[in-house]
């Protein structure tokens, strides 16, 4: 381990105020696994958090999610209409953004979260286009995409001077941020994010996808499909100008790479078109 990497890892593991996984996310995840838990139980969990409740109602009444029949004023009705999985995804986004709202003072949070949410949505779209049976579930692809860049927030918050120099060097030398990070730190922001998510006890596949989204070849073979999905989703979003163009190198997937995650060679244009259609969903989550 390089001296810089060792210093950062030690410093992060010693930090007392690292963000923690919102309790509501853990409880909702368990609720979704419980076949006895219906819309009423899920709504009760959400309703215990007044801020999340008001945010959920704002989102479900936005133009993207609005349903016929008038304004939704009940969380239970929102769960019944949109379904528990969709509500869980919305809660994941809102709770994670709330958790990190004071982290990363030098970043444009609007752009950061737009890229993060759209990478999650894109990972879900890629999963749905895949024709290959995979061990992972759709929500893991979504969450891994949503969280793939949290290491950037951590670096900017806890090592601001060092990280800003890294960003400036990347821009000056016209290199991707992840490449310069590895040159200077012996690790990139994906690995930093992986450290935090490991502390959150998230599923190993999600941690691996965040950890290695700039180096998918480094991932464990069992989790490489999910890592590759997030890598491709991240690259597609940056190609479509949804995010910082210097953040990572754009990925050029050949036919073999696409086949490894169950995609046909001609599927990328349709995926990109679907991604652009789903931007309205992202905006409904971030507005307000």
Protein backbone atom coordinates (compact mmCIF):
# COMPACT_ATOMS: atom_id res chain seq x y z
CA UNK A 1 0.00 0.00 0.00
CA UNK A 2 1.42 3.42 -0.97
CA UNK A 3 2.12 5.86 1.86
CA UNK A 4 -0.60 8.27 0.66
CA UNK A 5 -3.16 5.49 0.38
CA UNK A 6 -2.25 4.19 3.83
CA UNK A 7 -2.57 7.70 5.28
CA UNK A 8 -6.02 8.22 3.74
CA UNK A 9 -7.33 4.81 4.78
CA UNK A 10 -6.11 5.32 8.36
CA UNK A 11 -7.53 8.83 8.49
CA UNK A 12 -10.95 7.73 7.23
CA UNK A 13 -11.23 4.78 9.58
CA UNK A 14 -10.45 7.14 12.46
CA UNK A 15 -13.03 9.79 11.48
CA UNK A 16 -15.86 9.98 14.02
CA UNK A 17 -18.36 11.89 11.90
CA UNK A 18 -18.34 9.82 8.69
CA UNK A 19 -21.84 9.72 7.16
CA UNK A 20 -23.85 6.67 8.20
CA UNK A 21 -26.47 4.79 6.24
CA UNK A 22 -29.89 6.33 6.98
CA UNK A 23 -31.81 3.99 9.30
CA UNK A 24 -34.93 4.29 7.15
CA UNK A 25 -33.09 2.69 4.20
CA UNK A 26 -32.10 -0.34 6.27
CA UNK A 27 -35.63 -0.72 7.59
CA UNK A 28 -37.22 -0.36 4.16
CA UNK A 29 -34.82 -2.90 2.68
CA UNK A 30 -35.82 -5.41 5.36
CA UNK A 31 -39.49 -4.56 4.85
CA UNK A 32 -39.25 -5.33 1.15
CA UNK A 33 -37.79 -8.75 1.99
CA UNK A 34 -40.69 -9.47 4.34
CA UNK A 35 -43.61 -10.91 2.39
CA UNK A 36 -45.94 -10.10 5.27
CA UNK A 37 -45.17 -6.39 5.06
CA UNK A 38 -47.73 -4.54 2.98
CA UNK A 39 -48.14 -0.94 1.86
CA UNK A 40 -49.41 0.04 5.32
CA UNK A 41 -46.24 -1.21 7.05
CA UNK A 42 -43.92 0.47 4.55
CA UNK A 43 -45.90 3.72 4.82
CA UNK A 44 -45.62 3.55 8.62
CA UNK A 45 -41.79 3.33 8.41
CA UNK A 46 -41.64 6.34 6.08
CA UNK A 47 -44.13 8.37 8.14
CA UNK A 48 -41.87 8.18 11.19
CA UNK A 49 -39.55 10.59 9.36
CA UNK A 50 -41.44 13.89 8.80
CA UNK A 51 -38.82 15.31 6.41
CA UNK A 52 -38.82 12.19 4.26
CA UNK A 53 -42.62 12.08 4.31
CA UNK A 54 -42.94 15.63 2.93
CA UNK A 55 -40.27 14.93 0.32
CA UNK A 56 -41.98 11.72 -0.80
CA UNK A 57 -45.30 13.51 -1.22
CA UNK A 58 -43.59 16.29 -3.18
CA UNK A 59 -42.00 13.76 -5.54
CA UNK A 60 -45.08 11.57 -6.10
CA UNK A 61 -47.08 14.68 -6.99
CA UNK A 62 -44.47 15.93 -9.46
CA UNK A 63 -45.20 15.91 -13.19
CA UNK A 64 -43.24 12.69 -13.75
CA UNK A 65 -44.89 10.56 -11.05
CA UNK A 66 -48.31 12.21 -10.90
CA UNK A 67 -51.23 9.81 -11.38
CA UNK A 68 -54.78 10.41 -12.52
CA UNK A 69 -57.26 11.06 -9.78
CA UNK A 70 -55.87 14.15 -8.17
CA UNK A 71 -53.21 15.04 -5.64
CA UNK A 72 -51.81 12.31 -3.36
CA UNK A 73 -51.80 13.37 0.30
CA UNK A 74 -51.18 10.00 1.97
CA UNK A 75 -47.89 8.06 2.03
CA UNK A 76 -49.82 4.79 2.18
CA UNK A 77 -51.78 5.74 -0.94
CA UNK A 78 -48.51 6.72 -2.65
CA UNK A 79 -47.02 3.30 -1.81
CA UNK A 80 -50.15 1.56 -3.10
CA UNK A 81 -50.17 3.51 -6.37
CA UNK A 82 -46.42 3.45 -7.19
CA UNK A 83 -45.51 0.14 -5.59
CA UNK A 84 -43.12 -0.62 -2.76
CA UNK A 85 -40.05 -1.02 -4.97
CA UNK A 86 -40.51 2.37 -6.64
CA UNK A 87 -41.12 4.04 -3.29
CA UNK A 88 -37.99 2.36 -1.93
CA UNK A 89 -35.92 3.76 -4.82
CA UNK A 90 -37.32 7.25 -4.26
CA UNK A 91 -36.59 7.01 -0.53
CA UNK A 92 -33.05 5.81 -1.25
CA UNK A 93 -32.31 8.88 -3.36
CA UNK A 94 -33.89 11.36 -0.95
CA UNK A 95 -32.31 9.86 2.17
CA UNK A 96 -28.82 9.57 0.65
CA UNK A 97 -28.90 13.16 -0.60
CA UNK A 98 -30.04 14.34 2.83
CA UNK A 99 -27.21 12.35 4.46
CA UNK A 100 -24.53 13.94 2.28
CA UNK A 101 -26.01 17.46 2.01
CA UNK A 102 -23.22 19.08 4.06
CA UNK A 103 -20.42 16.95 2.57
CA UNK A 104 -18.33 18.14 -0.40
CA UNK A 105 -18.26 21.95 -0.03
CA UNK A 106 -16.37 22.62 -3.28
CA UNK A 107 -18.68 20.65 -5.55
CA UNK A 108 -21.80 21.64 -7.43
CA UNK A 109 -24.24 19.38 -5.57
CA UNK A 110 -26.94 19.90 -8.18
CA UNK A 111 -24.75 18.54 -10.96
CA UNK A 112 -23.21 15.90 -8.71
CA UNK A 113 -26.54 14.40 -7.71
CA UNK A 114 -28.00 14.70 -11.18
CA UNK A 115 -25.11 12.58 -12.47
CA UNK A 116 -25.39 10.14 -9.55
CA UNK A 117 -29.16 9.66 -9.81
CA UNK A 118 -29.00 9.33 -13.60
CA UNK A 119 -26.20 6.76 -13.30
CA UNK A 120 -28.49 4.76 -11.00
CA UNK A 121 -31.38 5.07 -13.45
CA UNK A 122 -29.07 4.15 -16.36
CA UNK A 123 -27.76 1.08 -14.51
CA UNK A 124 -31.36 -0.02 -14.00
CA UNK A 125 -32.10 0.52 -17.70
CA UNK A 126 -29.03 -1.52 -18.71
CA UNK A 127 -30.14 -4.29 -16.35
CA UNK A 128 -33.57 -4.34 -17.99
CA UNK A 129 -32.02 -4.52 -21.48
CA UNK A 130 -29.80 -7.42 -20.45
CA UNK A 131 -30.73 -10.81 -21.86
CA UNK A 132 -28.36 -12.70 -19.57
CA UNK A 133 -29.55 -14.23 -16.28
CA UNK A 134 -27.57 -12.60 -13.47
CA UNK A 135 -27.22 -13.22 -9.75
CA UNK A 136 -27.92 -9.55 -8.98
CA UNK A 137 -31.24 -7.81 -8.59
CA UNK A 138 -32.36 -4.66 -10.32
CA UNK A 139 -32.31 -2.56 -7.15
CA UNK A 140 -28.64 -3.41 -6.54
CA UNK A 141 -27.80 -1.95 -9.95
CA UNK A 142 -29.79 1.18 -9.12
CA UNK A 143 -28.24 1.69 -5.66
CA UNK A 144 -24.70 1.00 -6.91
CA UNK A 145 -25.17 3.58 -9.66
CA UNK A 146 -26.63 6.12 -7.22
CA UNK A 147 -23.71 5.72 -4.80
CA UNK A 148 -20.83 5.18 -7.25
CA UNK A 149 -19.26 8.63 -6.68
CA UNK A 150 -19.75 9.16 -2.94
CA UNK A 151 -15.96 8.87 -2.57
CA UNK A 152 -15.68 12.24 -4.35
CA UNK A 153 -17.78 13.86 -1.61
CA UNK A 154 -15.68 12.19 1.09
CA UNK A 155 -12.38 13.30 -0.44
CA UNK A 156 -13.59 16.85 -0.99
CA UNK A 157 -14.85 17.10 2.60
CA UNK A 158 -12.06 15.43 4.59
CA UNK A 159 -9.05 16.11 2.31
CA UNK A 160 -10.12 19.33 0.49
CA UNK A 161 -6.73 20.90 -0.30
CA UNK A 162 -5.26 17.64 -1.50
CA UNK A 163 -8.34 16.79 -3.55
CA UNK A 164 -8.64 20.23 -5.17
CA UNK A 165 -4.99 20.00 -6.26
CA UNK A 166 -5.78 16.62 -7.79
CA UNK A 167 -8.73 18.04 -9.73
CA UNK A 168 -6.67 20.97 -10.97
CA UNK A 169 -3.89 18.65 -12.07
CA UNK A 170 -6.40 16.50 -13.96
CA UNK A 171 -7.79 19.51 -15.80
CA UNK A 172 -4.33 20.95 -16.52
CA UNK A 173 -2.94 17.65 -17.81
CA UNK A 174 -6.23 16.70 -19.50
CA UNK A 175 -6.37 13.42 -17.63
CA UNK A 176 -9.36 11.79 -15.96
CA UNK A 177 -9.71 12.41 -12.22
CA UNK A 178 -9.52 8.72 -11.35
CA UNK A 179 -6.17 8.37 -13.17
CA UNK A 180 -4.62 11.34 -11.33
CA UNK A 181 -6.09 10.16 -8.03
CA UNK A 182 -4.35 6.81 -8.42
CA UNK A 183 -1.10 8.55 -9.36
CA UNK A 184 -1.24 10.77 -6.25
CA UNK A 185 -3.02 8.57 -3.70
CA UNK A 186 -2.50 5.00 -4.84
CA UNK A 187 -6.31 4.71 -5.00
CA UNK A 188 -9.22 6.52 -6.64
CA UNK A 189 -12.51 7.91 -5.36
CA UNK A 190 -14.26 4.62 -6.13
CA UNK A 191 -12.09 2.83 -3.59
CA UNK A 192 -12.71 5.62 -1.05
CA UNK A 193 -16.46 5.21 -1.58
CA UNK A 194 -16.10 1.46 -1.22
CA UNK A 195 -14.52 1.95 2.22
CA UNK A 196 -17.55 3.95 3.39
CA UNK A 197 -20.12 1.56 1.91
CA UNK A 198 -18.36 -1.37 3.52
CA UNK A 199 -18.87 0.34 6.87
CA UNK A 200 -22.55 0.61 5.94
CA UNK A 201 -22.74 -3.17 5.47
CA UNK A 202 -24.24 -2.85 2.00
CA UNK A 203 -24.33 -5.98 -0.19
CA UNK A 204 -20.84 -7.03 -1.39
CA UNK A 205 -21.80 -6.55 -5.04
CA UNK A 206 -22.79 -2.91 -4.44
CA UNK A 207 -19.55 -2.26 -2.54
CA UNK A 208 -17.52 -3.87 -5.34
CA UNK A 209 -19.35 -1.88 -8.02
CA UNK A 210 -18.59 1.41 -6.27
CA UNK A 211 -15.04 0.34 -5.41
CA UNK A 212 -14.05 -0.69 -8.93
CA UNK A 213 -16.29 1.30 -11.27
CA UNK A 214 -13.18 2.80 -12.91
CA UNK A 215 -11.28 -0.49 -12.88
CA UNK A 216 -13.87 -3.26 -13.49
CA UNK A 217 -11.15 -5.77 -14.30
CA UNK A 218 -10.05 -5.57 -10.64
CA UNK A 219 -13.41 -6.74 -9.29
CA UNK A 220 -14.11 -10.25 -8.05
CA UNK A 221 -15.35 -12.41 -10.91
CA UNK A 222 -18.64 -13.08 -9.12
CA UNK A 223 -19.48 -9.35 -8.97
CA UNK A 224 -17.97 -8.22 -12.26
CA UNK A 225 -21.32 -8.08 -14.15
CA UNK A 226 -22.68 -5.50 -11.69
CA UNK A 227 -19.40 -3.57 -11.74
CA UNK A 228 -19.45 -3.53 -15.55
CA UNK A 229 -23.06 -2.32 -15.60
CA UNK A 230 -22.20 0.62 -13.33
CA UNK A 231 -19.03 1.40 -15.33
CA UNK A 232 -21.05 1.49 -18.55
CA UNK A 233 -23.87 3.51 -16.93
CA UNK A 234 -21.38 6.08 -15.62
CA UNK A 235 -19.73 6.37 -19.03
CA UNK A 236 -23.05 6.73 -20.88
CA UNK A 237 -24.13 9.55 -18.56
CA UNK A 238 -20.88 11.42 -19.10
CA UNK A 239 -21.06 10.85 -22.85
CA UNK A 240 -24.54 12.44 -22.73
CA UNK A 241 -23.07 15.38 -20.74
CA UNK A 242 -24.75 14.36 -17.49
CA UNK A 243 -21.80 14.95 -15.19
CA UNK A 244 -18.17 16.05 -15.13
CA UNK A 245 -16.40 15.03 -18.38
CA UNK A 246 -13.03 14.74 -16.59
CA UNK A 247 -14.30 12.51 -13.79
CA UNK A 248 -13.34 9.31 -15.59
CA UNK A 249 -12.30 8.00 -18.98
CA UNK A 250 -15.18 7.20 -21.32
CA UNK A 251 -15.58 3.47 -21.83
CA UNK A 252 -15.60 1.93 -25.30
CA UNK A 253 -17.38 -1.40 -24.97
CA UNK A 254 -16.78 -3.97 -27.70
CA UNK A 255 -19.11 -6.81 -28.61
CA UNK A 256 -17.49 -9.20 -26.12
CA UNK A 257 -17.78 -6.68 -23.27
CA UNK A 258 -21.45 -6.08 -24.01
CA UNK A 259 -22.13 -9.82 -24.26
CA UNK A 260 -20.62 -10.31 -20.79
CA UNK A 261 -23.54 -8.33 -19.33
CA UNK A 262 -26.11 -9.71 -21.74
CA UNK A 263 -26.37 -6.80 -24.16
CA UNK A 264 -26.73 -7.10 -27.91
CA UNK A 265 -24.13 -5.13 -29.95
CA UNK A 266 -26.80 -2.81 -31.31
CA UNK A 267 -28.49 -2.12 -27.96
CA UNK A 268 -26.53 1.00 -26.92
CA UNK A 269 -28.45 3.54 -29.05
CA UNK A 270 -31.77 2.32 -27.60
CA UNK A 271 -30.33 2.42 -24.06
CA UNK A 272 -29.09 6.00 -24.54
CA UNK A 273 -32.46 7.05 -25.93
CA UNK A 274 -34.22 5.55 -22.90
CA UNK A 275 -31.76 7.31 -20.57
CA UNK A 276 -32.60 10.68 -22.11
CA UNK A 277 -36.31 9.95 -21.73
CA UNK A 278 -35.81 9.24 -18.02
CA UNK A 279 -34.17 12.60 -17.21
CA UNK A 280 -37.59 13.90 -16.18
CA UNK A 281 -37.65 11.30 -13.40
CA UNK A 282 -34.30 12.56 -12.14
CA UNK A 283 -35.43 16.19 -12.17
CA UNK A 284 -38.57 15.31 -10.18
CA UNK A 285 -36.36 13.74 -7.48
CA UNK A 286 -33.98 16.70 -7.27
CA UNK A 287 -36.35 19.65 -7.57
CA UNK A 288 -37.67 21.43 -4.55
